[in-house]
């Protein structure tokens, strides 16, 4: 699935390394779970991208949050994962994440297993998701008017 045309515009203020990392993480998820929709928020303090088999955030199994010095790769119900081969951070009720600074050190194999478990949790909570066979979409959910964004140097 091609990303929504606005995604590159949303991440353009970030450093080239952060932009590249964001797109690498995006490709990792969309290649692993090609039937997932991509839900994009250009929020006040970060660009957030959730992956869901529906067009609803409540069904999302993982997400990416783009910040100026790193990208968080997270699980919407990470506290419920049993296959935690990776030390996930977070103290909230459900969401857990890892901070990623480069794709080379991203623990792909461990996270693949965790993503599939997260997909299973999402499908268990909404059994209609197991029967969805529509083409995936990349959808902009909202754009915040006011934003905190890094200033790119040299541009």
N, C-alpha and C. Protein backbone atom coordinates (compact mmCIF):
# COMPACT_ATOMS: atom_id res chain seq x y z
N UNK A 1 0.84 -1.18 0.00
CA UNK A 1 0.00 0.00 0.00
C UNK A 1 0.88 1.24 0.00
N UNK A 2 0.53 2.17 -0.83
CA UNK A 2 1.25 3.44 -0.85
C UNK A 2 0.76 4.29 0.31
N UNK A 3 1.68 5.07 0.91
CA UNK A 3 1.24 5.94 1.99
C UNK A 3 0.37 7.07 1.45
N UNK A 4 -0.47 7.60 2.28
CA UNK A 4 -1.24 8.77 1.92
C UNK A 4 -0.26 9.86 1.50
N UNK A 5 -0.58 10.58 0.45
CA UNK A 5 0.32 11.61 -0.09
C UNK A 5 0.69 12.65 0.96
N UNK A 6 -0.15 12.89 1.94
CA UNK A 6 0.13 13.90 2.96
C UNK A 6 1.15 13.44 3.99
N UNK A 7 1.39 12.14 4.12
CA UNK A 7 2.31 11.66 5.14
C UNK A 7 3.69 12.27 4.99
N UNK A 8 4.23 12.29 3.79
CA UNK A 8 5.57 12.88 3.60
C UNK A 8 5.57 14.36 3.94
N UNK A 9 4.48 15.04 3.68
CA UNK A 9 4.37 16.46 4.06
C UNK A 9 4.39 16.60 5.58
N UNK A 10 3.69 15.71 6.28
CA UNK A 10 3.62 15.77 7.74
C UNK A 10 4.99 15.54 8.38
N UNK A 11 5.80 14.64 7.80
CA UNK A 11 7.10 14.34 8.41
C UNK A 11 8.23 15.19 7.84
N UNK A 12 7.95 16.02 6.85
CA UNK A 12 8.99 16.86 6.22
C UNK A 12 9.76 17.76 7.19
N UNK A 13 9.14 18.31 8.24
CA UNK A 13 9.90 19.16 9.16
C UNK A 13 10.96 18.41 9.97
N UNK A 14 10.86 17.09 10.01
CA UNK A 14 11.80 16.30 10.81
C UNK A 14 13.10 16.09 10.05
N UNK A 15 14.15 15.81 10.77
CA UNK A 15 15.46 15.49 10.22
C UNK A 15 15.34 14.35 9.20
N UNK A 16 16.19 14.35 8.20
CA UNK A 16 16.15 13.31 7.17
C UNK A 16 16.24 11.90 7.75
N UNK A 17 17.05 11.72 8.80
CA UNK A 17 17.18 10.39 9.42
C UNK A 17 15.87 9.93 10.05
N UNK A 18 15.17 10.86 10.68
CA UNK A 18 13.88 10.53 11.31
C UNK A 18 12.84 10.23 10.23
N UNK A 19 12.85 10.98 9.14
CA UNK A 19 11.92 10.71 8.04
C UNK A 19 12.17 9.31 7.47
N UNK A 20 13.44 9.00 7.22
CA UNK A 20 13.80 7.69 6.67
C UNK A 20 13.39 6.57 7.62
N UNK A 21 13.69 6.74 8.91
CA UNK A 21 13.33 5.74 9.91
C UNK A 21 11.81 5.54 9.97
N UNK A 22 11.07 6.61 9.93
CA UNK A 22 9.60 6.52 9.94
C UNK A 22 9.10 5.67 8.78
N UNK A 23 9.62 5.93 7.58
CA UNK A 23 9.17 5.19 6.40
C UNK A 23 9.65 3.74 6.43
N UNK A 24 10.82 3.48 7.02
CA UNK A 24 11.30 2.10 7.16
C UNK A 24 10.41 1.32 8.12
N UNK A 25 10.03 1.93 9.23
CA UNK A 25 9.14 1.27 10.19
C UNK A 25 7.76 1.05 9.57
N UNK A 26 7.30 2.04 8.81
CA UNK A 26 6.03 1.91 8.11
C UNK A 26 6.06 0.73 7.14
N UNK A 27 7.13 0.63 6.36
CA UNK A 27 7.26 -0.48 5.41
C UNK A 27 7.32 -1.82 6.12
N UNK A 28 8.00 -1.85 7.26
CA UNK A 28 8.09 -3.09 8.05
C UNK A 28 6.68 -3.58 8.41
N UNK A 29 5.84 -2.68 8.90
CA UNK A 29 4.49 -3.07 9.32
C UNK A 29 3.63 -3.42 8.10
N UNK A 30 3.64 -2.57 7.08
CA UNK A 30 2.74 -2.81 5.95
C UNK A 30 3.15 -4.04 5.14
N UNK A 31 4.42 -4.39 5.15
CA UNK A 31 4.85 -5.63 4.49
C UNK A 31 4.46 -6.85 5.31
N UNK A 32 4.54 -6.73 6.63
CA UNK A 32 4.22 -7.85 7.51
C UNK A 32 2.71 -8.10 7.56
N UNK A 33 1.93 -7.03 7.65
CA UNK A 33 0.47 -7.14 7.74
C UNK A 33 -0.13 -6.28 6.62
N UNK A 34 -0.04 -6.76 5.38
CA UNK A 34 -0.45 -5.93 4.24
C UNK A 34 -1.94 -5.58 4.19
N UNK A 35 -2.76 -6.30 4.92
CA UNK A 35 -4.19 -6.00 4.92
C UNK A 35 -4.58 -4.90 5.91
N UNK A 36 -3.61 -4.40 6.67
CA UNK A 36 -3.90 -3.37 7.68
C UNK A 36 -4.08 -2.00 7.05
N UNK A 37 -5.03 -1.26 7.60
CA UNK A 37 -5.19 0.15 7.24
C UNK A 37 -4.19 0.98 8.04
N UNK A 38 -3.84 2.10 7.47
CA UNK A 38 -2.92 3.04 8.11
C UNK A 38 -3.72 4.29 8.46
N UNK A 39 -3.80 4.61 9.75
CA UNK A 39 -4.57 5.75 10.24
C UNK A 39 -3.57 6.81 10.72
N UNK A 40 -3.63 7.99 10.13
CA UNK A 40 -2.60 9.01 10.37
C UNK A 40 -3.19 10.23 11.07
N UNK A 41 -2.49 10.69 12.11
CA UNK A 41 -2.83 11.92 12.82
C UNK A 41 -1.62 12.84 12.79
N UNK A 42 -1.81 14.04 12.29
CA UNK A 42 -0.75 15.05 12.34
C UNK A 42 -1.06 15.88 13.59
N UNK A 43 -0.60 15.38 14.73
CA UNK A 43 -0.97 15.93 16.02
C UNK A 43 -0.12 17.12 16.44
N UNK A 44 -0.49 17.69 17.57
CA UNK A 44 0.19 18.83 18.16
C UNK A 44 1.67 18.57 18.40
N UNK A 45 2.00 17.44 19.04
CA UNK A 45 3.39 17.19 19.43
C UNK A 45 4.07 16.05 18.68
N UNK A 46 3.37 15.37 17.79
CA UNK A 46 3.97 14.26 17.04
C UNK A 46 3.07 13.88 15.86
N UNK A 47 3.67 13.23 14.90
CA UNK A 47 2.89 12.58 13.85
C UNK A 47 2.67 11.15 14.34
N UNK A 48 1.42 10.73 14.39
CA UNK A 48 1.10 9.39 14.89
C UNK A 48 0.45 8.58 13.78
N UNK A 49 0.88 7.32 13.67
CA UNK A 49 0.35 6.43 12.63
C UNK A 49 -0.03 5.12 13.31
N UNK A 50 -1.31 4.76 13.22
CA UNK A 50 -1.78 3.51 13.81
C UNK A 50 -2.11 2.53 12.70
N UNK A 51 -2.00 1.25 12.99
CA UNK A 51 -2.29 0.19 12.02
C UNK A 51 -3.41 -0.68 12.58
N UNK A 52 -4.46 -0.82 11.76
CA UNK A 52 -5.69 -1.48 12.20
C UNK A 52 -6.32 -2.20 11.01
N UNK A 53 -6.99 -3.30 11.30
CA UNK A 53 -7.70 -4.00 10.23
C UNK A 53 -9.05 -3.36 9.94
N UNK A 54 -9.42 -2.36 10.74
CA UNK A 54 -10.62 -1.58 10.46
C UNK A 54 -10.16 -0.13 10.24
N UNK A 55 -11.10 0.77 10.18
CA UNK A 55 -10.75 2.18 10.06
C UNK A 55 -10.92 2.88 11.40
N UNK A 56 -10.83 2.09 12.48
CA UNK A 56 -11.03 2.63 13.83
C UNK A 56 -9.79 2.42 14.69
N UNK A 57 -9.45 3.46 15.46
CA UNK A 57 -8.32 3.39 16.36
C UNK A 57 -8.50 2.29 17.40
N UNK A 58 -9.71 2.06 17.84
CA UNK A 58 -9.93 1.04 18.89
C UNK A 58 -9.52 -0.36 18.44
N UNK A 59 -9.41 -0.58 17.13
CA UNK A 59 -9.01 -1.88 16.60
C UNK A 59 -7.52 -1.95 16.24
N UNK A 60 -6.81 -0.86 16.48
CA UNK A 60 -5.39 -0.81 16.10
C UNK A 60 -4.56 -1.78 16.94
N UNK A 61 -3.57 -2.39 16.29
CA UNK A 61 -2.70 -3.33 17.01
C UNK A 61 -1.32 -2.75 17.27
N UNK A 62 -0.85 -1.82 16.43
CA UNK A 62 0.43 -1.18 16.70
C UNK A 62 0.43 0.23 16.12
N UNK A 63 1.46 0.99 16.48
CA UNK A 63 1.52 2.37 16.04
C UNK A 63 2.97 2.88 15.99
N UNK A 64 3.12 3.99 15.30
CA UNK A 64 4.39 4.71 15.20
C UNK A 64 4.11 6.14 15.66
N UNK A 65 4.98 6.70 16.47
CA UNK A 65 4.87 8.11 16.87
C UNK A 65 6.21 8.77 16.54
N UNK A 66 6.15 9.82 15.74
CA UNK A 66 7.35 10.48 15.23
C UNK A 66 7.69 11.70 16.09
N UNK A 67 8.90 11.71 16.65
CA UNK A 67 9.40 12.82 17.45
C UNK A 67 10.69 13.34 16.82
N UNK A 68 11.22 14.42 17.34
CA UNK A 68 12.37 15.05 16.69
C UNK A 68 13.66 14.24 16.78
N UNK A 69 13.86 13.46 17.82
CA UNK A 69 15.12 12.72 17.97
C UNK A 69 14.97 11.20 17.89
N UNK A 70 13.74 10.71 17.83
CA UNK A 70 13.50 9.27 17.76
C UNK A 70 12.08 9.02 17.26
N UNK A 71 11.80 7.75 17.03
CA UNK A 71 10.45 7.32 16.65
C UNK A 71 10.05 6.22 17.63
N UNK A 72 8.88 6.34 18.20
CA UNK A 72 8.38 5.27 19.06
C UNK A 72 7.63 4.26 18.21
N UNK A 73 7.91 2.99 18.45
CA UNK A 73 7.17 1.90 17.84
C UNK A 73 6.41 1.26 18.99
N UNK A 74 5.09 1.27 18.90
CA UNK A 74 4.33 0.81 20.05
C UNK A 74 3.20 -0.14 19.72
N UNK A 75 2.67 -0.70 20.79
CA UNK A 75 1.54 -1.62 20.72
C UNK A 75 0.38 -1.02 21.51
N UNK A 76 -0.77 -0.94 20.87
CA UNK A 76 -1.92 -0.33 21.50
C UNK A 76 -2.43 -1.11 22.71
N UNK A 77 -2.17 -2.40 22.73
CA UNK A 77 -2.53 -3.22 23.88
C UNK A 77 -1.28 -3.99 24.34
N UNK A 78 -0.18 -3.27 24.37
CA UNK A 78 1.11 -3.87 24.70
C UNK A 78 1.19 -4.50 26.08
N UNK A 79 0.41 -3.99 27.02
CA UNK A 79 0.41 -4.56 28.38
C UNK A 79 -0.16 -5.98 28.38
N UNK A 80 -0.90 -6.35 27.33
CA UNK A 80 -1.51 -7.67 27.26
C UNK A 80 -0.66 -8.69 26.50
N UNK A 81 0.45 -8.24 25.92
CA UNK A 81 1.30 -9.16 25.16
C UNK A 81 2.02 -10.14 26.08
N UNK A 82 2.12 -11.39 25.64
CA UNK A 82 2.85 -12.39 26.42
C UNK A 82 4.23 -12.64 25.84
N UNK A 83 4.38 -12.44 24.53
CA UNK A 83 5.66 -12.67 23.85
C UNK A 83 6.51 -11.41 23.87
N UNK A 84 6.98 -11.05 25.05
CA UNK A 84 7.72 -9.81 25.18
C UNK A 84 9.22 -10.07 25.11
N UNK A 85 9.71 -10.38 23.91
CA UNK A 85 11.14 -10.58 23.71
C UNK A 85 11.89 -9.26 23.70
N UNK A 86 11.14 -8.17 23.74
CA UNK A 86 11.70 -6.83 23.73
C UNK A 86 11.19 -6.12 24.98
N UNK A 87 12.06 -5.34 25.60
CA UNK A 87 11.70 -4.60 26.81
C UNK A 87 10.87 -3.38 26.43
N UNK A 88 9.55 -3.52 26.54
CA UNK A 88 8.65 -2.42 26.20
C UNK A 88 8.53 -1.45 27.36
N UNK A 89 8.43 -0.17 27.03
CA UNK A 89 8.29 0.89 28.03
C UNK A 89 6.85 1.37 28.07
N UNK A 90 6.48 1.94 29.20
CA UNK A 90 5.15 2.51 29.35
C UNK A 90 4.54 2.06 30.65
N UNK A 91 3.83 2.97 31.30
CA UNK A 91 3.24 2.65 32.58
C UNK A 91 1.73 2.83 32.59
N UNK A 92 1.18 3.12 31.42
CA UNK A 92 -0.27 3.28 31.31
C UNK A 92 -0.96 1.93 31.40
N UNK A 93 -2.26 1.96 31.26
CA UNK A 93 -3.06 0.75 31.38
C UNK A 93 -2.79 -0.25 30.25
N UNK A 94 -2.58 0.26 29.01
CA UNK A 94 -2.47 -0.64 27.86
C UNK A 94 -1.25 -0.43 26.97
N UNK A 95 -0.97 0.80 26.61
CA UNK A 95 0.03 1.08 25.57
C UNK A 95 1.46 0.85 26.07
N UNK A 96 2.25 0.18 25.21
CA UNK A 96 3.68 -0.03 25.48
C UNK A 96 4.43 0.27 24.19
N UNK A 97 5.71 0.68 24.33
CA UNK A 97 6.48 1.05 23.14
C UNK A 97 7.98 0.85 23.37
N UNK A 98 8.71 0.95 22.27
CA UNK A 98 10.17 1.06 22.34
C UNK A 98 10.54 2.32 21.57
N UNK A 99 11.62 2.92 21.99
CA UNK A 99 12.15 4.10 21.29
C UNK A 99 13.16 3.60 20.26
N UNK A 100 13.02 4.04 19.02
CA UNK A 100 13.88 3.57 17.93
C UNK A 100 14.66 4.76 17.39
N UNK A 101 15.98 4.58 17.29
CA UNK A 101 16.82 5.66 16.74
C UNK A 101 17.38 5.32 15.38
N UNK A 102 17.43 4.02 15.05
CA UNK A 102 17.84 3.61 13.70
C UNK A 102 17.26 2.22 13.41
N UNK A 103 17.03 1.99 12.12
CA UNK A 103 16.37 0.74 11.72
C UNK A 103 17.29 -0.47 11.85
N UNK A 104 18.60 -0.23 11.76
CA UNK A 104 19.56 -1.34 11.85
C UNK A 104 19.48 -2.05 13.20
N UNK A 105 19.23 -1.31 14.27
CA UNK A 105 19.17 -1.92 15.61
C UNK A 105 17.73 -2.29 16.02
N UNK A 106 16.78 -2.07 15.14
CA UNK A 106 15.39 -2.41 15.42
C UNK A 106 15.25 -3.93 15.48
N UNK A 107 14.72 -4.49 16.58
CA UNK A 107 14.65 -5.95 16.77
C UNK A 107 13.51 -6.58 15.95
N UNK A 108 13.70 -6.64 14.65
CA UNK A 108 12.66 -7.06 13.70
C UNK A 108 12.06 -8.43 14.02
N UNK A 109 12.90 -9.42 14.24
CA UNK A 109 12.39 -10.78 14.45
C UNK A 109 11.52 -10.88 15.70
N UNK A 110 12.02 -10.33 16.81
CA UNK A 110 11.22 -10.37 18.04
C UNK A 110 9.90 -9.62 17.86
N UNK A 111 9.97 -8.47 17.19
CA UNK A 111 8.77 -7.66 17.03
C UNK A 111 7.77 -8.28 16.07
N UNK A 112 8.24 -9.03 15.09
CA UNK A 112 7.31 -9.74 14.20
C UNK A 112 6.37 -10.62 15.01
N UNK A 113 6.93 -11.40 15.92
CA UNK A 113 6.12 -12.29 16.76
C UNK A 113 5.14 -11.50 17.63
N UNK A 114 5.64 -10.37 18.16
CA UNK A 114 4.80 -9.55 19.01
C UNK A 114 3.68 -8.88 18.21
N UNK A 115 3.97 -8.48 16.98
CA UNK A 115 2.95 -7.87 16.12
C UNK A 115 1.84 -8.88 15.84
N UNK A 116 2.23 -10.12 15.51
CA UNK A 116 1.21 -11.12 15.21
C UNK A 116 0.36 -11.43 16.44
N UNK A 117 0.98 -11.41 17.62
CA UNK A 117 0.18 -11.59 18.83
C UNK A 117 -0.76 -10.41 19.02
N UNK A 118 -0.27 -9.19 18.75
CA UNK A 118 -1.11 -7.99 18.88
C UNK A 118 -2.27 -8.01 17.89
N UNK A 119 -2.02 -8.48 16.67
CA UNK A 119 -3.10 -8.63 15.69
C UNK A 119 -4.14 -9.61 16.24
N UNK A 120 -3.68 -10.71 16.81
CA UNK A 120 -4.59 -11.70 17.39
C UNK A 120 -5.43 -11.13 18.53
N UNK A 121 -4.83 -10.30 19.37
CA UNK A 121 -5.57 -9.66 20.47
C UNK A 121 -6.66 -8.75 19.89
N UNK A 122 -6.29 -7.98 18.88
CA UNK A 122 -7.24 -7.08 18.23
C UNK A 122 -8.41 -7.86 17.62
N UNK A 123 -8.10 -8.97 16.94
CA UNK A 123 -9.14 -9.80 16.33
C UNK A 123 -10.01 -10.49 17.37
N UNK A 124 -9.43 -10.83 18.50
CA UNK A 124 -10.21 -11.47 19.57
C UNK A 124 -11.22 -10.47 20.16
N UNK A 125 -10.81 -9.21 20.26
CA UNK A 125 -11.69 -8.18 20.80
C UNK A 125 -12.77 -7.76 19.81
N UNK A 126 -12.50 -7.90 18.53
CA UNK A 126 -13.49 -7.58 17.49
C UNK A 126 -13.42 -8.69 16.44
N UNK A 127 -14.22 -9.71 16.62
CA UNK A 127 -14.15 -10.89 15.75
C UNK A 127 -14.48 -10.59 14.30
N UNK A 128 -15.11 -9.46 14.01
CA UNK A 128 -15.38 -9.08 12.62
C UNK A 128 -14.09 -8.82 11.84
N UNK A 129 -13.01 -8.51 12.53
CA UNK A 129 -11.74 -8.21 11.87
C UNK A 129 -11.14 -9.43 11.17
N UNK A 130 -11.48 -10.61 11.61
CA UNK A 130 -10.91 -11.81 11.00
C UNK A 130 -11.48 -12.07 9.62
N UNK A 131 -12.60 -11.45 9.29
CA UNK A 131 -13.24 -11.67 8.00
C UNK A 131 -13.14 -10.48 7.05
N UNK A 132 -12.24 -9.56 7.33
CA UNK A 132 -12.11 -8.38 6.48
C UNK A 132 -11.15 -8.68 5.33
N UNK A 133 -11.62 -8.48 4.11
CA UNK A 133 -10.80 -8.75 2.93
C UNK A 133 -10.81 -7.58 1.97
N UNK A 134 -10.89 -6.36 2.48
CA UNK A 134 -10.88 -5.19 1.61
C UNK A 134 -9.44 -4.71 1.42
N UNK A 135 -9.24 -3.94 0.36
CA UNK A 135 -7.91 -3.37 0.11
C UNK A 135 -7.59 -2.37 1.22
N UNK A 136 -6.37 -2.40 1.72
CA UNK A 136 -6.01 -1.48 2.80
C UNK A 136 -5.97 -0.03 2.32
N UNK A 137 -6.19 0.88 3.25
CA UNK A 137 -6.19 2.31 2.95
C UNK A 137 -5.23 3.04 3.87
N UNK A 138 -4.68 4.14 3.37
CA UNK A 138 -3.88 5.05 4.17
C UNK A 138 -4.73 6.32 4.33
N UNK A 139 -5.19 6.56 5.56
CA UNK A 139 -6.20 7.58 5.81
C UNK A 139 -5.70 8.63 6.80
N UNK A 140 -5.83 9.90 6.44
CA UNK A 140 -5.53 10.99 7.39
C UNK A 140 -6.77 11.16 8.26
N UNK A 141 -6.59 10.95 9.56
CA UNK A 141 -7.71 11.03 10.50
C UNK A 141 -7.93 12.46 10.99
N UNK A 142 -6.84 13.18 11.26
CA UNK A 142 -6.97 14.58 11.67
C UNK A 142 -5.64 15.30 11.52
N UNK A 143 -5.77 16.61 11.42
CA UNK A 143 -4.60 17.49 11.33
C UNK A 143 -4.79 18.59 12.36
N UNK A 144 -3.89 18.68 13.32
CA UNK A 144 -3.96 19.74 14.31
C UNK A 144 -3.47 21.04 13.69
N UNK A 145 -4.19 22.12 14.01
CA UNK A 145 -3.79 23.42 13.48
C UNK A 145 -2.47 23.87 14.08
N UNK A 146 -2.35 23.79 15.39
CA UNK A 146 -1.15 24.23 16.09
C UNK A 146 -0.25 23.01 16.31
N UNK A 147 1.05 23.18 16.01
CA UNK A 147 1.97 22.05 16.14
C UNK A 147 3.30 22.49 16.74
N UNK A 148 3.93 21.55 17.41
CA UNK A 148 5.32 21.70 17.83
C UNK A 148 6.11 20.84 16.86
N UNK A 149 6.99 21.42 16.08
CA UNK A 149 7.80 20.68 15.12
C UNK A 149 9.23 21.14 15.18
N UNK A 150 10.16 20.25 14.91
CA UNK A 150 11.56 20.65 14.88
C UNK A 150 11.80 21.59 13.69
N UNK A 151 12.83 22.40 13.83
CA UNK A 151 13.23 23.26 12.72
C UNK A 151 14.37 22.53 12.01
N UNK A 152 14.17 22.26 10.72
CA UNK A 152 15.21 21.58 9.94
C UNK A 152 16.36 22.54 9.68
N UNK A 153 17.56 22.07 9.92
CA UNK A 153 18.74 22.89 9.67
C UNK A 153 19.19 22.71 8.23
N UNK A 154 19.62 23.78 7.62
CA UNK A 154 20.18 23.70 6.27
C UNK A 154 19.14 23.68 5.18
N UNK A 155 17.88 23.89 5.48
CA UNK A 155 16.84 23.91 4.43
C UNK A 155 16.13 25.22 4.39
